[in-house]
Protein backbone atom coordinates (compact mmCIF):
# COMPACT_ATOMS: atom_id res chain seq x y z
CA UNK A 1 26.33 8.02 80.97
CA UNK A 2 29.27 5.96 82.22
CA UNK A 3 32.81 6.67 81.01
CA UNK A 4 33.05 3.56 78.85
CA UNK A 5 29.61 4.10 77.37
CA UNK A 6 31.19 7.02 75.51
CA UNK A 7 33.01 6.70 72.22
CA UNK A 8 36.81 6.90 72.22
CA UNK A 9 36.68 10.46 70.87
CA UNK A 10 34.17 11.45 73.54
CA UNK A 11 36.32 9.88 76.27
CA UNK A 12 39.35 11.86 75.13
CA UNK A 13 37.32 15.08 75.20
CA UNK A 14 35.97 14.27 78.67
CA UNK A 15 39.47 13.60 80.04
CA UNK A 16 40.64 16.92 78.59
CA UNK A 17 37.63 18.66 80.18
CA UNK A 18 38.32 17.07 83.58
CA UNK A 19 41.98 18.05 83.41
CA UNK A 20 41.17 21.65 82.44
CA UNK A 21 38.55 22.11 85.14
CA UNK A 22 40.83 20.64 87.81
CA UNK A 23 43.67 22.94 86.70
CA UNK A 24 41.29 25.92 86.78
CA UNK A 25 40.21 24.96 90.31
CA UNK A 26 43.81 24.82 91.47
CA UNK A 27 44.49 28.24 89.97
CA UNK A 28 41.40 29.60 91.72
CA UNK A 29 42.26 27.82 94.99
CA UNK A 30 38.92 26.03 95.08
CA UNK A 31 38.04 22.34 95.22
CA UNK A 32 34.58 22.58 93.63
CA UNK A 33 35.20 20.58 90.44
CA UNK A 34 37.94 18.46 91.97
CA UNK A 35 35.45 17.35 94.60
CA UNK A 36 32.85 16.69 91.91
CA UNK A 37 35.16 14.35 89.98
CA UNK A 38 36.74 12.73 93.03
CA UNK A 39 33.28 11.76 94.32
CA UNK A 40 31.85 10.52 91.02
CA UNK A 41 30.20 7.10 91.10
CA UNK A 42 32.13 6.03 87.98
CA UNK A 43 35.56 4.58 88.81
CA UNK A 44 37.02 5.84 85.53
CA UNK A 45 35.85 9.40 86.09
CA UNK A 46 37.57 9.36 89.48
CA UNK A 47 40.66 7.82 87.87
CA UNK A 48 40.75 10.58 85.27
CA UNK A 49 40.62 13.05 88.13
CA UNK A 50 43.52 11.66 90.10
CA UNK A 51 45.62 11.09 86.97
CA UNK A 52 45.07 14.76 86.07
CA UNK A 53 46.27 15.80 89.51
CA UNK A 54 49.38 13.66 89.10
CA UNK A 55 50.20 15.12 85.68
CA UNK A 56 49.77 18.67 86.90
CA UNK A 57 52.07 18.04 89.87
CA UNK A 58 54.76 16.43 87.71
CA UNK A 59 54.69 18.96 84.88
CA UNK A 60 53.96 22.26 86.64
CA UNK A 61 56.41 22.91 89.44
CA UNK A 62 54.74 26.18 90.41
CA UNK A 63 51.50 24.26 91.09
CA UNK A 64 52.94 21.60 93.38
CA UNK A 65 52.28 23.38 96.67
CA UNK A 66 48.68 24.17 95.68
CA UNK A 67 48.10 20.55 94.59
CA UNK A 68 49.26 19.12 97.91
CA UNK A 69 47.25 21.66 99.90
CA UNK A 70 44.12 20.78 97.91
CA UNK A 71 44.65 17.07 98.57
CA UNK A 72 45.15 17.70 102.29
CA UNK A 73 41.69 19.25 102.47
CA UNK A 74 40.12 16.43 100.47
CA UNK A 75 41.73 13.79 102.68
CA UNK A 76 39.36 14.79 105.48
CA UNK A 77 36.21 14.37 103.38
CA UNK A 78 33.29 12.41 104.82
CA UNK A 79 33.01 10.60 101.46
CA UNK A 80 35.06 7.42 101.21
CA UNK A 81 35.18 7.88 97.42
CA UNK A 82 36.84 11.26 97.84
CA UNK A 83 39.31 9.93 100.42
CA UNK A 84 40.05 6.93 98.19
CA UNK A 85 40.67 9.11 95.12
CA UNK A 86 42.80 11.49 97.18
CA UNK A 87 45.06 8.61 98.20
CA UNK A 88 45.29 7.51 94.57
CA UNK A 89 46.25 11.06 93.58
CA UNK A 90 48.89 11.08 96.29
CA UNK A 91 50.17 7.81 94.82
CA UNK A 92 50.69 9.49 91.46
CA UNK A 93 52.77 12.16 93.19
CA UNK A 94 54.63 9.60 95.30
CA UNK A 95 56.05 7.99 92.20
CA UNK A 96 58.35 11.01 91.91
CA UNK A 97 58.22 12.67 95.33
CA UNK A 98 57.24 10.30 98.13
CA UNK A 99 58.18 12.35 101.19
CA UNK A 100 55.75 15.14 100.35
CA UNK A 101 52.79 12.72 100.36
CA UNK A 102 53.93 10.18 102.94
CA UNK A 103 51.36 11.44 105.44
CA UNK A 104 48.46 10.50 103.18
CA UNK A 105 49.48 6.84 103.41
CA UNK A 106 50.16 6.95 107.14
CA UNK A 107 46.61 8.20 107.56
CA UNK A 108 44.90 6.15 104.83
CA UNK A 109 46.32 2.88 106.09
CA UNK A 110 44.07 3.25 109.15
CA UNK A 111 40.97 4.56 107.39
CA UNK A 112 37.72 2.96 108.50
CA UNK A 113 36.73 2.15 104.90
CA UNK A 114 38.33 -0.73 103.03
CA UNK A 115 38.35 1.14 99.70
CA UNK A 116 40.66 3.79 101.13
CA UNK A 117 42.97 1.19 102.65
CA UNK A 118 43.00 -0.64 99.33
CA UNK A 119 43.94 2.62 97.61
CA UNK A 120 46.95 2.85 99.92
CA UNK A 121 48.08 -0.64 98.93
CA UNK A 122 47.47 0.07 95.24
CA UNK A 123 49.50 3.24 95.55
CA UNK A 124 52.32 1.42 97.34
CA UNK A 125 52.43 -1.01 94.42
CA UNK A 126 52.75 1.66 91.74
CA UNK A 127 55.09 3.88 93.79
CA UNK A 128 57.28 0.90 94.67
CA UNK A 129 57.84 0.29 90.97
CA UNK A 130 58.91 3.84 90.18
CA UNK A 131 60.35 5.14 93.46
CA UNK A 132 61.25 2.08 95.53
CA UNK A 133 63.82 3.31 98.03
CA UNK A 134 61.67 5.66 100.17
CA UNK A 135 58.52 3.59 99.65
CA UNK A 136 60.10 0.36 100.89
CA UNK A 137 61.67 2.23 103.80
CA UNK A 138 58.17 3.42 104.75
CA UNK A 139 56.70 -0.06 104.32
CA UNK A 140 59.32 -1.60 106.59
CA UNK A 141 58.17 0.58 109.47
CA UNK A 142 54.78 -1.17 109.44
CA UNK A 143 55.91 -4.80 109.18
CA UNK A 144 56.01 -5.10 112.99
CA UNK A 145 52.81 -3.16 113.59
CA UNK A 146 50.56 -4.79 116.24
CA UNK A 147 47.57 -4.78 113.86
CA UNK A 148 47.76 -7.94 111.76
CA UNK A 149 45.81 -6.36 108.91
CA UNK A 150 48.38 -3.58 108.62
CA UNK A 151 51.17 -6.16 108.39
CA UNK A 152 49.22 -8.15 105.81
CA UNK A 153 48.33 -5.15 103.67
CA UNK A 154 51.89 -3.85 103.61
CA UNK A 155 53.20 -7.30 102.70
CA UNK A 156 50.74 -7.35 99.81
CA UNK A 157 51.61 -3.80 98.80
CA UNK A 158 55.30 -4.46 98.20
CA UNK A 159 54.61 -7.50 96.00
CA UNK A 160 54.70 -5.69 92.65
CA UNK A 161 58.23 -4.39 93.16
CA UNK A 162 59.26 -7.92 94.04
CA UNK A 163 58.01 -9.34 90.76
CA UNK A 164 60.84 -7.59 88.92
CA UNK A 165 63.28 -6.95 91.76
CA UNK A 166 62.77 -9.70 94.37
CA UNK A 167 66.07 -8.81 96.02
CA UNK A 168 64.55 -5.46 97.06
CA UNK A 169 61.69 -6.91 99.08
CA UNK A 170 63.04 -10.25 100.32
CA UNK A 171 64.73 -8.66 103.37
CA UNK A 172 61.37 -7.14 104.31
CA UNK A 173 59.49 -10.38 103.78
CA UNK A 174 62.05 -12.18 105.94
CA UNK A 175 60.96 -10.06 108.88
CA UNK A 176 57.51 -11.67 108.64
CA UNK A 177 58.66 -15.29 108.55
CA UNK A 178 57.76 -15.94 112.20
CA UNK A 179 54.40 -14.11 112.10
CA UNK A 180 51.85 -16.44 113.70
CA UNK A 181 48.75 -14.80 112.21
CA UNK A 182 47.23 -17.04 109.54
CA UNK A 183 46.24 -14.20 107.20
CA UNK A 184 49.68 -12.62 107.34
CA UNK A 185 51.39 -15.96 106.86
CA UNK A 186 49.15 -16.83 103.90
CA UNK A 187 49.86 -13.47 102.27
CA UNK A 188 53.60 -13.94 102.80
CA UNK A 189 53.50 -17.36 101.12
CA UNK A 190 51.41 -15.92 98.28
CA UNK A 191 53.85 -13.05 97.71
CA UNK A 192 56.84 -15.39 97.69
CA UNK A 193 55.11 -17.34 94.94
CA UNK A 194 54.35 -14.20 92.95
CA UNK A 195 57.95 -12.95 92.95
CA UNK A 196 59.54 -16.20 91.80
CA UNK A 197 58.32 -16.97 88.27
CA UNK A 198 59.88 -14.27 86.07
CA UNK A 199 63.33 -14.34 84.51
CA UNK A 200 66.09 -14.69 87.10
CA UNK A 201 63.69 -14.42 90.04
CA UNK A 202 63.49 -18.06 91.14
CA UNK A 203 67.24 -18.14 91.66
CA UNK A 204 67.13 -15.01 93.83
CA UNK A 205 64.20 -16.24 95.91
CA UNK A 206 65.61 -19.73 96.52
CA UNK A 207 69.00 -18.29 97.52
CA UNK A 208 67.26 -16.10 100.09
CA UNK A 209 65.01 -18.86 101.41
CA UNK A 210 68.07 -21.01 102.07
CA UNK A 211 68.95 -18.53 104.82
CA UNK A 212 65.52 -18.23 106.45
CA UNK A 213 64.99 -19.85 109.84
CA UNK A 214 61.33 -20.88 109.57
CA UNK A 215 61.69 -24.01 107.45
CA UNK A 216 58.01 -24.95 107.77
CA UNK A 217 57.01 -21.66 106.18
CA UNK A 218 59.76 -22.01 103.56
CA UNK A 219 58.43 -25.43 102.58
CA UNK A 220 54.96 -23.96 102.14
CA UNK A 221 56.44 -21.14 100.06
CA UNK A 222 58.32 -23.59 97.84
CA UNK A 223 55.09 -25.55 97.28
CA UNK A 224 53.40 -22.29 96.30
CA UNK A 225 56.26 -21.40 93.95
CA UNK A 226 55.95 -24.77 92.22
CA UNK A 227 52.17 -24.30 91.94
CA UNK A 228 52.54 -20.78 90.55
CA UNK A 229 54.76 -22.11 87.77
CA UNK A 230 51.82 -24.23 86.67
CA UNK A 231 49.07 -21.65 87.20
CA UNK A 232 51.07 -19.00 85.34
CA UNK A 233 52.68 -21.36 82.85
CA UNK A 234 51.99 -18.97 79.97
CA UNK A 235 53.99 -16.24 81.73
CA UNK A 236 56.60 -18.15 83.74
CA UNK A 237 60.13 -18.29 82.38
CA UNK A 238 60.48 -21.93 83.51
CA UNK A 239 58.12 -24.86 83.24
CA UNK A 240 56.86 -26.39 86.47
CA UNK A 241 59.18 -29.35 85.94
CA UNK A 242 62.18 -27.04 85.46
CA UNK A 243 61.25 -25.10 88.60
CA UNK A 244 61.00 -28.31 90.63
CA UNK A 245 64.38 -29.48 89.31
CA UNK A 246 65.98 -26.15 90.17
CA UNK A 247 64.57 -26.17 93.71
CA UNK A 248 65.59 -29.80 94.29
CA UNK A 249 69.13 -28.98 93.20
CA UNK A 250 69.58 -25.62 94.93
CA UNK A 251 67.44 -25.61 98.06
CA UNK A 252 69.42 -27.02 100.95
CA UNK A 253 67.02 -29.10 103.03
CA UNK A 254 67.85 -28.88 106.74
């Protein structure tokens, strides 16, 4: 039976069971049940597993070394589900202690399965919200990587931090402004649109774009920003008309 086929009470009991069995495994220095939950076909069972790992790491200092060692073994699994869930677990840890799990993302970013690479990007998003300084420093190292997909994925990964703190990621995005790869360029334009519609963000983004050299890309980004204010009109702080008026007044056409 799938996780959400259970009643709320049953789901709570199952999460408690998963957490207990994972903790017992860590105490016994075995991965038997951890592997069982990390490889489960149900996304929410796997999620319960990696969330349990994260909680144990954050709340039980004496278990931290054992947790990381267990994840290091799981990271080499032949199962993409296990590798994916391991990266997600590392992401939970990276929200408070990035350096200890940095290697999981260096490795996962080049995994041959898209689900593992996606887990890296998802983890970068959540870590960037809670622990931005080391995470963005790590991301910056990959913005000039020769593999266009790495550049694109990292650009996408830092987006969430930019939605609330665009000033933190704009210097990184600026490094991609001359990227000639269509997929990277499209992702860059998309991200610029996504970080410009919340309170105070349009002003920050437009001020930065005034200083960018690639005016063709900037024009595409401004079009995207205007479009986003319509698509997300229920969430945007400004109407599309107000966004257009602000851009017309404050963007210095060259």
